[in-house]
Amino acid sequence: MDSARNVLQFFTNSAHSVPVFEALDDGVTTGSALADRTGASRATVARILDEGESRGWIDSEGSRYELTTKGTITLEAVRDSLQTIEGIEHLGEAITWLPAPTRDLDYRLFREAEIITGRRANPTEPFDFVSDRIRTADRIRTLAWTGVPRLTELINEQAIAGQLECEAVMKASFFDTLVGRPEVVPHWRAPAERDEVWRYEGDVPISLHIIDGTVIIWLDERRGDELVVQGALVTESRTVLSWAESLYEEYRAGAELVDPATLPET
């Protein structure tokens, strides 16, 4: 019986192992056809086929080869493992900034995510990116523990102009931070008067936007008692979108509309 390590080693020792098995997964074929399709030498293909057959992953009849049931299942498991690692590696340092709720997601979903971080030349790049998305959006839903004034102002302006449908679920304690900030309060009073803002009394361990079909998750680093924004993860994955929409609806169902009269006077 092969150990899991030996199985992974077989598929990672050669860059051609997975492509050969994927080609076999399409149906019965020959060694020469596999070499032509994958770009591997015939000697390499022959080695992969011989070892795969000895492990019970491949059946052969004459010069024709096909995957066994075990081979098909093994390929699927190995592909999932490699794609998970690919997603983790793609995230890089950002994996340490992902908010806790995202750990319920399959890391394979992050393989094509865009990671936007502030650079020395442009430290506000994540905020600039989100601002640009808001300007061209039809709808935005926000779930967050805090608000970014420049984004809140822009969202409110777009909504007033009839160019944006918006709503937000905010951590209840956030509204306490509006005291003494008269320049910010109007950007929350207006949507509250339109019944577009909810307050959630419990913890909100994530800040995200659902902008049309795109999910933007803010990446925060904890420094003592403070959370510092390090960037944003952007994805158009339909699976992540479905997850984000479900999470948003879950929090909104447990929240209550903000009464404009409870907001600080300006």
C-alpha atoms as a PDB file:
ATOM      1  CA  MET A   1       0.000   0.000   0.000  1.00  0.00           C
ATOM      2  CA  ASP A   2       1.366   3.409  -1.002  1.00  0.00           C
ATOM      3  CA  SER A   3       1.735   6.034   1.697  1.00  0.00           C
ATOM      4  CA  ALA A   4       0.185   9.433   1.047  1.00  0.00           C
ATOM      5  CA  ARG A   5       3.686  10.915   0.869  1.00  0.00           C
ATOM      6  CA  ASN A   6       4.761   8.424  -1.792  1.00  0.00           C
ATOM      7  CA  VAL A   7       1.656   9.134  -3.852  1.00  0.00           C
ATOM      8  CA  LEU A   8       2.261  12.888  -3.777  1.00  0.00           C
ATOM      9  CA  GLN A   9       5.945  12.327  -4.506  1.00  0.00           C
ATOM     10  CA  PHE A  10       5.072  10.346  -7.633  1.00  0.00           C
ATOM     11  CA  PHE A  11       2.893  13.152  -8.959  1.00  0.00           C
ATOM     12  CA  THR A  12       5.325  15.948  -8.061  1.00  0.00           C
ATOM     13  CA  ASN A  13       8.618  14.346  -9.091  1.00  0.00           C
ATOM     14  CA  SER A  14       7.820  14.975 -12.751  1.00  0.00           C
ATOM     15  CA  ALA A  15       6.034  17.953 -14.250  1.00  0.00           C
ATOM     16  CA  HIS A  16       4.434  15.523 -16.707  1.00  0.00           C
ATOM     17  CA  SER A  17       2.790  13.089 -14.257  1.00  0.00           C
ATOM     18  CA  VAL A  18      -0.392  15.093 -13.652  1.00  0.00           C
ATOM     19  CA  PRO A  19      -0.821  16.084 -17.349  1.00  0.00           C
ATOM     20  CA  VAL A  20      -0.445  12.439 -18.406  1.00  0.00           C
ATOM     21  CA  PHE A  21      -3.056  11.324 -15.883  1.00  0.00           C
ATOM     22  CA  GLU A  22      -5.372  14.170 -16.876  1.00  0.00           C
ATOM     23  CA  ALA A  23      -5.083  13.088 -20.501  1.00  0.00           C
ATOM     24  CA  LEU A  24      -5.865   9.513 -19.480  1.00  0.00           C
ATOM     25  CA  ASP A  25      -8.857  10.811 -17.558  1.00  0.00           C
ATOM     26  CA  ASP A  26     -10.374  11.814 -20.914  1.00  0.00           C
ATOM     27  CA  GLY A  27     -10.487   8.193 -22.042  1.00  0.00           C
ATOM     28  CA  VAL A  28      -8.542   5.310 -23.548  1.00  0.00           C
ATOM     29  CA  THR A  29      -5.432   6.409 -25.429  1.00  0.00           C
ATOM     30  CA  THR A  30      -1.942   5.341 -26.476  1.00  0.00           C
ATOM     31  CA  GLY A  31       1.502   6.202 -25.171  1.00  0.00           C
ATOM     32  CA  SER A  32       2.439   8.055 -28.355  1.00  0.00           C
ATOM     33  CA  ALA A  33      -0.768  10.093 -28.217  1.00  0.00           C
ATOM     34  CA  LEU A  34      -0.005  10.977 -24.599  1.00  0.00           C
ATOM     35  CA  ALA A  35       3.498  12.129 -25.565  1.00  0.00           C
ATOM     36  CA  ASP A  36       2.112  14.317 -28.352  1.00  0.00           C
ATOM     37  CA  ARG A  37      -0.575  15.817 -26.119  1.00  0.00           C
ATOM     38  CA  THR A  38       1.571  16.510 -23.050  1.00  0.00           C
ATOM     39  CA  GLY A  39       4.883  17.360 -24.669  1.00  0.00           C
ATOM     40  CA  ALA A  40       6.647  14.707 -22.597  1.00  0.00           C
ATOM     41  CA  SER A  41       9.164  12.380 -24.200  1.00  0.00           C
ATOM     42  CA  ARG A  42       7.985   8.868 -24.998  1.00  0.00           C
ATOM     43  CA  ALA A  43      10.450   7.527 -22.435  1.00  0.00           C
ATOM     44  CA  THR A  44       8.945   9.745 -19.741  1.00  0.00           C
ATOM     45  CA  VAL A  45       5.410   8.751 -20.679  1.00  0.00           C
ATOM     46  CA  ALA A  46       6.400   5.067 -20.651  1.00  0.00           C
ATOM     47  CA  ARG A  47       7.891   5.416 -17.162  1.00  0.00           C
ATOM     48  CA  ILE A  48       4.759   7.152 -15.850  1.00  0.00           C
ATOM     49  CA  LEU A  49       2.506   4.519 -17.413  1.00  0.00           C
ATOM     50  CA  ASP A  50       4.552   1.602 -16.097  1.00  0.00           C
ATOM     51  CA  GLU A  51       4.694   2.971 -12.556  1.00  0.00           C
ATOM     52  CA  GLY A  52       1.033   3.984 -12.630  1.00  0.00           C
ATOM     53  CA  GLU A  53       0.089   0.481 -13.735  1.00  0.00           C
ATOM     54  CA  SER A  54       2.182  -1.109 -10.991  1.00  0.00           C
ATOM     55  CA  ARG A  55       0.294   0.987  -8.423  1.00  0.00           C
ATOM     56  CA  GLY A  56      -3.093  -0.057  -9.764  1.00  0.00           C
ATOM     57  CA  TRP A  57      -3.957   3.342 -11.214  1.00  0.00           C
ATOM     58  CA  ILE A  58      -3.739   2.384 -14.905  1.00  0.00           C
ATOM     59  CA  ASP A  59      -4.927  -0.594 -16.958  1.00  0.00           C
ATOM     60  CA  SER A  60      -3.439  -1.491 -20.330  1.00  0.00           C
ATOM     61  CA  GLU A  61      -4.382  -3.689 -23.234  1.00  0.00           C
ATOM     62  CA  GLY A  62      -1.715  -3.851 -25.877  1.00  0.00           C
ATOM     63  CA  SER A  63      -0.690  -0.283 -26.599  1.00  0.00           C
ATOM     64  CA  ARG A  64      -3.840   1.263 -25.162  1.00  0.00           C
ATOM     65  CA  TYR A  65      -4.113   2.670 -21.644  1.00  0.00           C
ATOM     66  CA  GLU A  66      -6.867   3.902 -19.368  1.00  0.00           C
ATOM     67  CA  LEU A  67      -7.293   4.947 -15.751  1.00  0.00           C
ATOM     68  CA  THR A  68      -8.741   2.512 -13.258  1.00  0.00           C
ATOM     69  CA  THR A  69     -11.366   3.656 -10.776  1.00  0.00           C
ATOM     70  CA  LYS A  70      -8.596   3.925  -8.191  1.00  0.00           C
ATOM     71  CA  GLY A  71      -6.535   5.988 -10.616  1.00  0.00           C
ATOM     72  CA  THR A  72      -9.407   8.389 -11.295  1.00  0.00           C
ATOM     73  CA  ILE A  73     -10.072   8.903  -7.587  1.00  0.00           C
ATOM     74  CA  THR A  74      -6.356   9.290  -6.847  1.00  0.00           C
ATOM     75  CA  LEU A  75      -5.968  11.883  -9.598  1.00  0.00           C
ATOM     76  CA  GLU A  76      -8.882  13.877  -8.226  1.00  0.00           C
ATOM     77  CA  ALA A  77      -7.442  13.812  -4.683  1.00  0.00           C
ATOM     78  CA  VAL A  78      -3.951  14.783  -5.843  1.00  0.00           C
ATOM     79  CA  ARG A  79      -5.293  17.566  -8.041  1.00  0.00           C
ATOM     80  CA  ASP A  80      -7.297  18.942  -5.114  1.00  0.00           C
ATOM     81  CA  SER A  81      -4.222  18.859  -2.877  1.00  0.00           C
ATOM     82  CA  LEU A  82      -2.015  20.597  -5.414  1.00  0.00           C
ATOM     83  CA  GLN A  83      -4.632  23.254  -6.116  1.00  0.00           C
ATOM     84  CA  THR A  84      -5.037  23.882  -2.384  1.00  0.00           C
ATOM     85  CA  ILE A  85      -1.297  24.425  -2.049  1.00  0.00           C
ATOM     86  CA  GLU A  86      -1.389  26.654  -5.136  1.00  0.00           C
ATOM     87  CA  GLY A  87      -4.089  28.784  -3.482  1.00  0.00           C
ATOM     88  CA  ILE A  88      -2.111  29.043  -0.245  1.00  0.00           C
ATOM     89  CA  GLU A  89       1.075  29.993  -2.088  1.00  0.00           C
ATOM     90  CA  HIS A  90      -0.802  32.552  -4.195  1.00  0.00           C
ATOM     91  CA  LEU A  91      -2.044  34.286  -1.039  1.00  0.00           C
ATOM     92  CA  GLY A  92       1.493  34.603   0.295  1.00  0.00           C
ATOM     93  CA  GLU A  93       1.737  36.860   3.337  1.00  0.00           C
ATOM     94  CA  ALA A  94      -1.916  37.816   2.924  1.00  0.00           C
ATOM     95  CA  ILE A  95      -2.948  34.446   4.356  1.00  0.00           C
ATOM     96  CA  THR A  96      -2.039  35.766   7.819  1.00  0.00           C
ATOM     97  CA  TRP A  97      -4.367  38.755   7.320  1.00  0.00           C
ATOM     98  CA  LEU A  98      -7.444  36.825   6.246  1.00  0.00           C
ATOM     99  CA  PRO A  99     -10.341  37.321   8.691  1.00  0.00           C
ATOM    100  CA  ALA A 100     -11.459  34.236  10.615  1.00  0.00           C
ATOM    101  CA  PRO A 101     -14.700  33.549   8.676  1.00  0.00           C
ATOM    102  CA  THR A 102     -12.754  32.987   5.444  1.00  0.00           C
ATOM    103  CA  ARG A 103     -11.155  29.874   6.953  1.00  0.00           C
ATOM    104  CA  ASP A 104     -14.398  28.072   6.177  1.00  0.00           C
ATOM    105  CA  LEU A 105     -13.551  28.463   2.495  1.00  0.00           C
ATOM    106  CA  ASP A 106     -11.586  26.083   0.298  1.00  0.00           C
ATOM    107  CA  TYR A 107      -8.181  27.658  -0.368  1.00  0.00           C
ATOM    108  CA  ARG A 108      -8.382  26.439  -3.962  1.00  0.00           C
ATOM    109  CA  LEU A 109     -10.849  29.279  -4.485  1.00  0.00           C
ATOM    110  CA  PHE A 110      -8.086  31.835  -3.902  1.00  0.00           C
ATOM    111  CA  ARG A 111      -5.824  30.674  -6.737  1.00  0.00           C
ATOM    112  CA  GLU A 112      -6.970  33.484  -8.999  1.00  0.00           C
ATOM    113  CA  ALA A 113      -7.840  36.080  -6.362  1.00  0.00           C
ATOM    114  CA  GLU A 114      -6.276  39.506  -6.715  1.00  0.00           C
ATOM    115  CA  ILE A 115      -4.336  40.710  -3.672  1.00  0.00           C
ATOM    116  CA  ILE A 116      -4.020  44.483  -3.508  1.00  0.00           C
ATOM    117  CA  THR A 117      -1.726  45.974  -0.885  1.00  0.00           C
ATOM    118  CA  GLY A 118      -0.507  49.489  -0.274  1.00  0.00           C
ATOM    119  CA  ARG A 119       2.922  50.179  -1.694  1.00  0.00           C
ATOM    120  CA  ARG A 120       5.408  52.827  -0.668  1.00  0.00           C
ATOM    121  CA  ALA A 121       4.666  54.635  -3.926  1.00  0.00           C
ATOM    122  CA  ASN A 122       0.902  54.397  -3.368  1.00  0.00           C
ATOM    123  CA  PRO A 123      -0.080  53.365   0.193  1.00  0.00           C
ATOM    124  CA  THR A 124      -3.772  54.047  -0.525  1.00  0.00           C
ATOM    125  CA  GLU A 125      -3.954  51.693  -3.513  1.00  0.00           C
ATOM    126  CA  PRO A 126      -6.498  49.280  -1.931  1.00  0.00           C
ATOM    127  CA  PHE A 127      -8.830  52.191  -1.121  1.00  0.00           C
ATOM    128  CA  ASP A 128      -8.339  53.677  -4.588  1.00  0.00           C
ATOM    129  CA  PHE A 129      -9.217  50.334  -6.153  1.00  0.00           C
ATOM    130  CA  VAL A 130     -12.416  49.943  -4.128  1.00  0.00           C
ATOM    131  CA  SER A 131     -13.380  53.559  -4.875  1.00  0.00           C
ATOM    132  CA  ASP A 132     -13.046  52.921  -8.606  1.00  0.00           C
ATOM    133  CA  ARG A 133     -15.233  49.813  -8.310  1.00  0.00           C
ATOM    134  CA  ILE A 134     -17.898  51.742  -6.408  1.00  0.00           C
ATOM    135  CA  ARG A 135     -18.048  54.461  -9.083  1.00  0.00           C
ATOM    136  CA  THR A 136     -19.003  51.933 -11.756  1.00  0.00           C
ATOM    137  CA  ALA A 137     -21.173  49.636  -9.605  1.00  0.00           C
ATOM    138  CA  ASP A 138     -24.926  49.138  -9.640  1.00  0.00           C
ATOM    139  CA  ARG A 139     -25.179  47.586  -6.200  1.00  0.00           C
ATOM    140  CA  ILE A 140     -23.047  47.291  -3.064  1.00  0.00           C
ATOM    141  CA  ARG A 141     -23.620  45.390   0.153  1.00  0.00           C
ATOM    142  CA  THR A 142     -21.270  45.934   3.085  1.00  0.00           C
ATOM    143  CA  LEU A 143     -20.659  43.842   6.195  1.00  0.00           C
ATOM    144  CA  ALA A 144     -18.093  45.455   8.455  1.00  0.00           C
ATOM    145  CA  TRP A 145     -16.889  46.215  11.945  1.00  0.00           C
ATOM    146  CA  THR A 146     -15.806  49.719  10.955  1.00  0.00           C
ATOM    147  CA  GLY A 147     -16.296  52.247   8.176  1.00  0.00           C
ATOM    148  CA  VAL A 148     -13.862  54.013   5.865  1.00  0.00           C
ATOM    149  CA  PRO A 149     -14.970  57.673   5.608  1.00  0.00           C
ATOM    150  CA  ARG A 150     -13.874  58.234   2.006  1.00  0.00           C
ATOM    151  CA  LEU A 151     -15.718  55.102   0.862  1.00  0.00           C
ATOM    152  CA  THR A 152     -18.813  55.858   2.926  1.00  0.00           C
ATOM    153  CA  GLU A 153     -18.979  59.357   1.473  1.00  0.00           C
ATOM    154  CA  LEU A 154     -18.609  58.051  -2.072  1.00  0.00           C
ATOM    155  CA  ILE A 155     -21.259  55.351  -1.587  1.00  0.00           C
ATOM    156  CA  ASN A 156     -23.687  57.921  -0.189  1.00  0.00           C
ATOM    157  CA  GLU A 157     -23.026  60.338  -3.069  1.00  0.00           C
ATOM    158  CA  GLN A 158     -23.632  57.603  -5.638  1.00  0.00           C
ATOM    159  CA  ALA A 159     -26.802  56.509  -3.867  1.00  0.00           C
ATOM    160  CA  ILE A 160     -28.199  60.055  -3.676  1.00  0.00           C
ATOM    161  CA  ALA A 161     -27.493  60.482  -7.382  1.00  0.00           C
ATOM    162  CA  GLY A 162     -29.524  57.348  -8.067  1.00  0.00           C
ATOM    163  CA  GLN A 163     -26.510  55.567  -9.491  1.00  0.00           C
ATOM    164  CA  LEU A 164     -26.015  52.981  -6.745  1.00  0.00           C
ATOM    165  CA  GLU A 165     -28.193  50.628  -4.719  1.00  0.00           C
ATOM    166  CA  CYS A 166     -26.563  50.181  -1.327  1.00  0.00           C
ATOM    167  CA  GLU A 167     -27.046  48.674   2.095  1.00  0.00           C
ATOM    168  CA  ALA A 168     -24.771  47.871   5.029  1.00  0.00           C
ATOM    169  CA  VAL A 169     -24.661  45.795   8.192  1.00  0.00           C
ATOM    170  CA  MET A 170     -22.298  47.344  10.727  1.00  0.00           C
ATOM    171  CA  LYS A 171     -21.070  46.310  14.136  1.00  0.00           C
ATOM    172  CA  ALA A 172     -23.236  48.232  16.631  1.00  0.00           C
ATOM    173  CA  SER A 173     -20.294  49.691  18.560  1.00  0.00           C
ATOM    174  CA  PHE A 174     -19.060  51.366  15.376  1.00  0.00           C
ATOM    175  CA  PHE A 175     -21.800  53.972  15.655  1.00  0.00           C
ATOM    176  CA  ASP A 176     -20.410  55.015  19.053  1.00  0.00           C
ATOM    177  CA  THR A 177     -17.242  56.109  17.241  1.00  0.00           C
ATOM    178  CA  LEU A 178     -19.236  58.729  15.300  1.00  0.00           C
ATOM    179  CA  VAL A 179     -19.511  60.923  18.390  1.00  0.00           C
ATOM    180  CA  GLY A 180     -17.379  64.008  17.836  1.00  0.00           C
ATOM    181  CA  ARG A 181     -17.086  63.380  14.110  1.00  0.00           C
ATOM    182  CA  PRO A 182     -19.718  65.691  12.618  1.00  0.00           C
ATOM    183  CA  GLU A 183     -18.157  65.474   9.156  1.00  0.00           C
ATOM    184  CA  VAL A 184     -18.858  61.719   9.003  1.00  0.00           C
ATOM    185  CA  VAL A 185     -22.325  61.477  10.572  1.00  0.00           C
ATOM    186  CA  PRO A 186     -24.286  62.750   7.507  1.00  0.00           C
ATOM    187  CA  HIS A 187     -22.912  59.905   5.389  1.00  0.00           C
ATOM    188  CA  TRP A 188     -24.602  57.464   7.783  1.00  0.00           C
ATOM    189  CA  ARG A 189     -27.704  59.488   8.581  1.00  0.00           C
ATOM    190  CA  ALA A 190     -28.806  59.637   4.941  1.00  0.00           C
ATOM    191  CA  PRO A 191     -28.715  55.845   4.351  1.00  0.00           C
ATOM    192  CA  ALA A 192     -30.283  55.294   7.783  1.00  0.00           C
ATOM    193  CA  GLU A 193     -33.183  57.508   6.701  1.00  0.00           C
ATOM    194  CA  ARG A 194     -33.503  55.320   3.591  1.00  0.00           C
ATOM    195  CA  ASP A 195     -33.576  52.138   5.740  1.00  0.00           C
ATOM    196  CA  GLU A 196     -30.321  50.937   4.232  1.00  0.00           C
ATOM    197  CA  VAL A 197     -28.202  50.463   7.369  1.00  0.00           C
ATOM    198  CA  TRP A 198     -28.439  47.786  10.053  1.00  0.00           C
ATOM    199  CA  ARG A 199     -26.615  47.503  13.393  1.00  0.00           C
ATOM    200  CA  TYR A 200     -25.440  44.128  14.664  1.00  0.00           C
ATOM    201  CA  GLU A 201     -24.986  43.854  18.417  1.00  0.00           C
ATOM    202  CA  GLY A 202     -22.541  40.941  18.396  1.00  0.00           C
ATOM    203  CA  ASP A 203     -19.040  40.616  17.008  1.00  0.00           C
ATOM    204  CA  VAL A 204     -18.443  41.240  13.310  1.00  0.00           C
ATOM    205  CA  PRO A 205     -15.058  39.597  12.640  1.00  0.00           C
ATOM    206  CA  ILE A 206     -14.826  40.589   8.982  1.00  0.00           C
ATOM    207  CA  SER A 207     -15.113  43.597   6.720  1.00  0.00           C
ATOM    208  CA  LEU A 208     -16.235  42.905   3.177  1.00  0.00           C
ATOM    209  CA  HIS A 209     -18.086  44.404   0.242  1.00  0.00           C
ATOM    210  CA  ILE A 210     -20.186  42.594  -2.321  1.00  0.00           C
ATOM    211  CA  ILE A 211     -20.013  44.885  -5.331  1.00  0.00           C
ATOM    212  CA  ASP A 212     -22.240  43.501  -8.078  1.00  0.00           C
ATOM    213  CA  GLY A 213     -20.661  40.054  -8.651  1.00  0.00           C
ATOM    214  CA  THR A 214     -17.318  40.806  -6.995  1.00  0.00           C
ATOM    215  CA  VAL A 215     -16.345  40.112  -3.403  1.00  0.00           C
ATOM    216  CA  ILE A 216     -13.791  42.370  -1.716  1.00  0.00           C
ATOM    217  CA  ILE A 217     -12.459  41.248   1.658  1.00  0.00           C
ATOM    218  CA  TRP A 218     -10.372  43.651   3.700  1.00  0.00           C
ATOM    219  CA  LEU A 219      -7.107  42.214   5.014  1.00  0.00           C
ATOM    220  CA  ASP A 220      -6.288  43.380   8.536  1.00  0.00           C
ATOM    221  CA  GLU A 221      -3.229  42.831  10.716  1.00  0.00           C
ATOM    222  CA  ARG A 222      -3.600  42.977  14.483  1.00  0.00           C
ATOM    223  CA  ARG A 223      -1.062  45.202  16.208  1.00  0.00           C
ATOM    224  CA  GLY A 224      -1.774  45.108  19.899  1.00  0.00           C
ATOM    225  CA  ASP A 225      -5.374  46.226  20.351  1.00  0.00           C
ATOM    226  CA  GLU A 226      -5.471  47.824  16.921  1.00  0.00           C
ATOM    227  CA  LEU A 227      -6.363  46.344  13.532  1.00  0.00           C
ATOM    228  CA  VAL A 228      -4.397  47.850  10.649  1.00  0.00           C
ATOM    229  CA  VAL A 229      -5.588  47.487   7.052  1.00  0.00           C
ATOM    230  CA  GLN A 230      -2.915  45.798   4.967  1.00  0.00           C
ATOM    231  CA  GLY A 231      -4.831  45.395   1.751  1.00  0.00           C
ATOM    232  CA  ALA A 232      -7.806  43.826   0.055  1.00  0.00           C
ATOM    233  CA  LEU A 233      -8.540  40.460  -1.519  1.00  0.00           C
ATOM    234  CA  VAL A 234     -10.665  40.662  -4.651  1.00  0.00           C
ATOM    235  CA  THR A 235     -12.367  37.682  -6.259  1.00  0.00           C
ATOM    236  CA  GLU A 236     -15.111  36.985  -8.759  1.00  0.00           C
ATOM    237  CA  SER A 237     -15.403  33.328  -7.748  1.00  0.00           C
ATOM    238  CA  ARG A 238     -19.062  32.352  -7.831  1.00  0.00           C
ATOM    239  CA  THR A 239     -18.505  30.067  -4.851  1.00  0.00           C
ATOM    240  CA  VAL A 240     -16.993  32.855  -2.777  1.00  0.00           C
ATOM    241  CA  LEU A 241     -19.800  35.172  -3.909  1.00  0.00           C
ATOM    242  CA  SER A 242     -22.412  32.670  -2.714  1.00  0.00           C
ATOM    243  CA  TRP A 243     -20.581  32.306   0.607  1.00  0.00           C
ATOM    244  CA  ALA A 244     -20.330  36.085   1.066  1.00  0.00           C
ATOM    245  CA  GLU A 245     -24.006  36.599   0.253  1.00  0.00           C
ATOM    246  CA  SER A 246     -25.017  33.906   2.757  1.00  0.00           C
ATOM    247  CA  LEU A 247     -22.775  35.437   5.425  1.00  0.00           C
ATOM    248  CA  TYR A 248     -24.186  38.898   4.774  1.00  0.00           C
ATOM    249  CA  GLU A 249     -27.775  37.665   4.957  1.00  0.00           C
ATOM    250  CA  GLU A 250     -27.021  35.786   8.178  1.00  0.00           C
ATOM    251  CA  TYR A 251     -25.748  38.941   9.872  1.00  0.00           C
ATOM    252  CA  ARG A 252     -28.511  41.125   8.474  1.00  0.00           C
ATOM    253  CA  ALA A 253     -31.147  38.687   9.762  1.00  0.00           C
ATOM    254  CA  GLY A 254     -29.723  39.127  13.271  1.00  0.00           C
ATOM    255  CA  ALA A 255     -29.418  42.919  13.034  1.00  0.00           C
ATOM    256  CA  GLU A 256     -31.841  45.801  13.378  1.00  0.00           C
ATOM    257  CA  LEU A 257     -32.293  48.888  11.269  1.00  0.00           C
ATOM    258  CA  VAL A 258     -30.455  51.963  12.490  1.00  0.00           C
ATOM    259  CA  ASP A 259     -32.798  54.652  13.800  1.00  0.00           C
ATOM    260  CA  PRO A 260     -31.500  57.982  12.423  1.00  0.00           C
ATOM    261  CA  ALA A 261     -32.543  59.636  15.688  1.00  0.00           C
ATOM    262  CA  THR A 262     -29.952  57.560  17.570  1.00  0.00           C
ATOM    263  CA  LEU A 263     -27.059  58.962  15.541  1.00  0.00           C
ATOM    264  CA  PRO A 264     -25.032  61.843  17.003  1.00  0.00           C
ATOM    265  CA  GLU A 265     -26.112  65.370  16.175  1.00  0.00           C
ATOM    266  CA  THR A 266     -23.934  67.300  13.743  1.00  0.00           C
END
